[in-house]
């Protein structure tokens, strides 16, 4: 008997996986920069390494930049609002370093 719970996707829009060399950074602080996980028409998710002791989350509207590692694509001044932030357990990092997951919602341009 399979006892796994079925995971329900509550998102209204399909998420798309992105190129492994795409990154995002929240501005103007530039303290939350990391690898893009997925994107859709209403927002995106990315993960970053929290190297700062201050674990402040940015819940107010701010800006985001998206770029490729090789510099071929650079989108800047994208208005966003942070909708979700959580710590990720990752065995690759030391206990003092925290990996974080951030989801943001696109605001009107």
Protein backbone atom coordinates (compact mmCIF):
# COMPACT_ATOMS: atom_id res chain seq x y z
CA UNK A 1 0.00 0.00 0.00
CA UNK A 2 1.31 3.42 -0.91
CA UNK A 3 1.03 5.73 2.11
CA UNK A 4 2.51 8.84 0.57
CA UNK A 5 0.44 11.97 0.82
CA UNK A 6 -0.44 13.59 -2.44
CA UNK A 7 1.06 17.07 -2.64
CA UNK A 8 -1.44 19.63 -3.85
CA UNK A 9 -0.08 22.46 -5.97
CA UNK A 10 -2.12 25.55 -5.08
CA UNK A 11 -0.44 27.83 -7.58
CA UNK A 12 -2.64 29.37 -10.24
CA UNK A 13 0.15 29.67 -12.82
CA UNK A 14 2.58 27.05 -14.06
CA UNK A 15 6.13 27.33 -12.74
CA UNK A 16 9.03 27.08 -15.17
CA UNK A 17 12.49 25.79 -14.29
CA UNK A 18 15.28 28.14 -15.25
CA UNK A 19 18.81 27.91 -16.57
CA UNK A 20 21.24 26.78 -13.83
CA UNK A 21 23.34 29.90 -14.35
CA UNK A 22 20.53 32.41 -13.65
CA UNK A 23 20.72 34.46 -10.47
CA UNK A 24 18.59 37.02 -8.65
CA UNK A 25 19.44 39.75 -6.16
CA UNK A 26 17.12 41.85 -3.99
CA UNK A 27 17.95 45.53 -4.09
CA UNK A 28 18.97 48.01 -2.79
CA UNK A 29 20.62 46.05 0.05
CA UNK A 30 22.27 43.43 -2.23
CA UNK A 31 22.50 41.06 0.76
CA UNK A 32 20.15 38.47 -0.70
CA UNK A 33 21.69 37.15 -3.92
CA UNK A 34 21.38 33.59 -5.11
CA UNK A 35 20.43 31.02 -7.68
CA UNK A 36 17.01 31.18 -9.35
CA UNK A 37 14.90 28.08 -8.73
CA UNK A 38 11.77 28.72 -10.77
CA UNK A 39 9.70 31.52 -12.25
CA UNK A 40 6.15 32.15 -13.46
CA UNK A 41 4.11 35.12 -14.60
CA UNK A 42 3.42 36.34 -11.05
CA UNK A 43 6.77 35.82 -9.31
CA UNK A 44 9.87 33.73 -8.77
CA UNK A 45 11.80 31.76 -6.15
CA UNK A 46 15.52 31.74 -5.44
CA UNK A 47 17.94 30.42 -2.83
CA UNK A 48 20.89 32.19 -1.28
CA UNK A 49 23.50 31.75 1.43
CA UNK A 50 22.91 34.03 4.41
CA UNK A 51 26.39 35.26 5.33
CA UNK A 52 25.15 38.11 7.50
CA UNK A 53 24.24 37.71 11.16
CA UNK A 54 21.24 39.98 10.71
CA UNK A 55 18.40 37.72 9.59
CA UNK A 56 16.11 40.59 8.62
CA UNK A 57 13.57 39.70 5.97
CA UNK A 58 12.48 42.32 3.52
CA UNK A 59 8.69 42.25 3.51
CA UNK A 60 8.20 45.68 2.00
CA UNK A 61 8.19 46.27 -1.74
CA UNK A 62 11.69 46.46 -3.15
CA UNK A 63 13.46 45.81 -6.43
CA UNK A 64 15.04 42.74 -7.96
CA UNK A 65 17.66 42.16 -10.63
CA UNK A 66 17.94 38.95 -12.66
CA UNK A 67 21.11 38.03 -14.53
CA UNK A 68 22.96 35.17 -16.21
CA UNK A 69 26.38 34.14 -14.96
CA UNK A 70 28.05 35.05 -18.26
CA UNK A 71 26.40 38.47 -18.45
CA UNK A 72 24.32 37.82 -21.58
CA UNK A 73 21.04 38.75 -19.87
CA UNK A 74 20.53 41.42 -17.20
CA UNK A 75 17.08 42.61 -16.09
CA UNK A 76 17.08 45.37 -13.49
CA UNK A 77 14.60 47.51 -11.55
CA UNK A 78 11.90 44.82 -11.32
CA UNK A 79 9.48 45.85 -8.55
CA UNK A 80 8.73 42.94 -6.19
CA UNK A 81 7.35 42.12 -2.77
CA UNK A 82 8.81 39.31 -0.65
CA UNK A 83 6.03 36.82 0.05
CA UNK A 84 7.88 33.92 1.69
CA UNK A 85 11.24 33.36 3.35
CA UNK A 86 12.45 30.21 5.10
CA UNK A 87 15.66 28.55 6.17
CA UNK A 88 16.72 25.45 4.24
CA UNK A 89 18.52 22.53 5.81
CA UNK A 90 21.55 21.74 3.69
CA UNK A 91 24.35 19.38 4.69
CA UNK A 92 26.85 21.16 2.44
CA UNK A 93 27.14 24.17 4.71
CA UNK A 94 28.50 24.61 8.20
CA UNK A 95 26.07 25.12 11.07
CA UNK A 96 26.81 28.84 11.22
CA UNK A 97 25.96 29.36 7.54
CA UNK A 98 22.28 29.28 6.64
CA UNK A 99 20.80 28.58 3.25
CA UNK A 100 17.60 30.53 2.66
CA UNK A 101 14.68 30.17 0.25
CA UNK A 102 12.89 33.35 -0.87
CA UNK A 103 9.74 33.76 -2.95
CA UNK A 104 8.79 37.12 -4.40
CA UNK A 105 5.73 38.46 -6.16
CA UNK A 106 6.12 40.78 -9.15
CA UNK A 107 4.53 44.19 -8.72
CA UNK A 108 3.26 46.48 -11.47
CA UNK A 109 5.99 47.97 -13.65
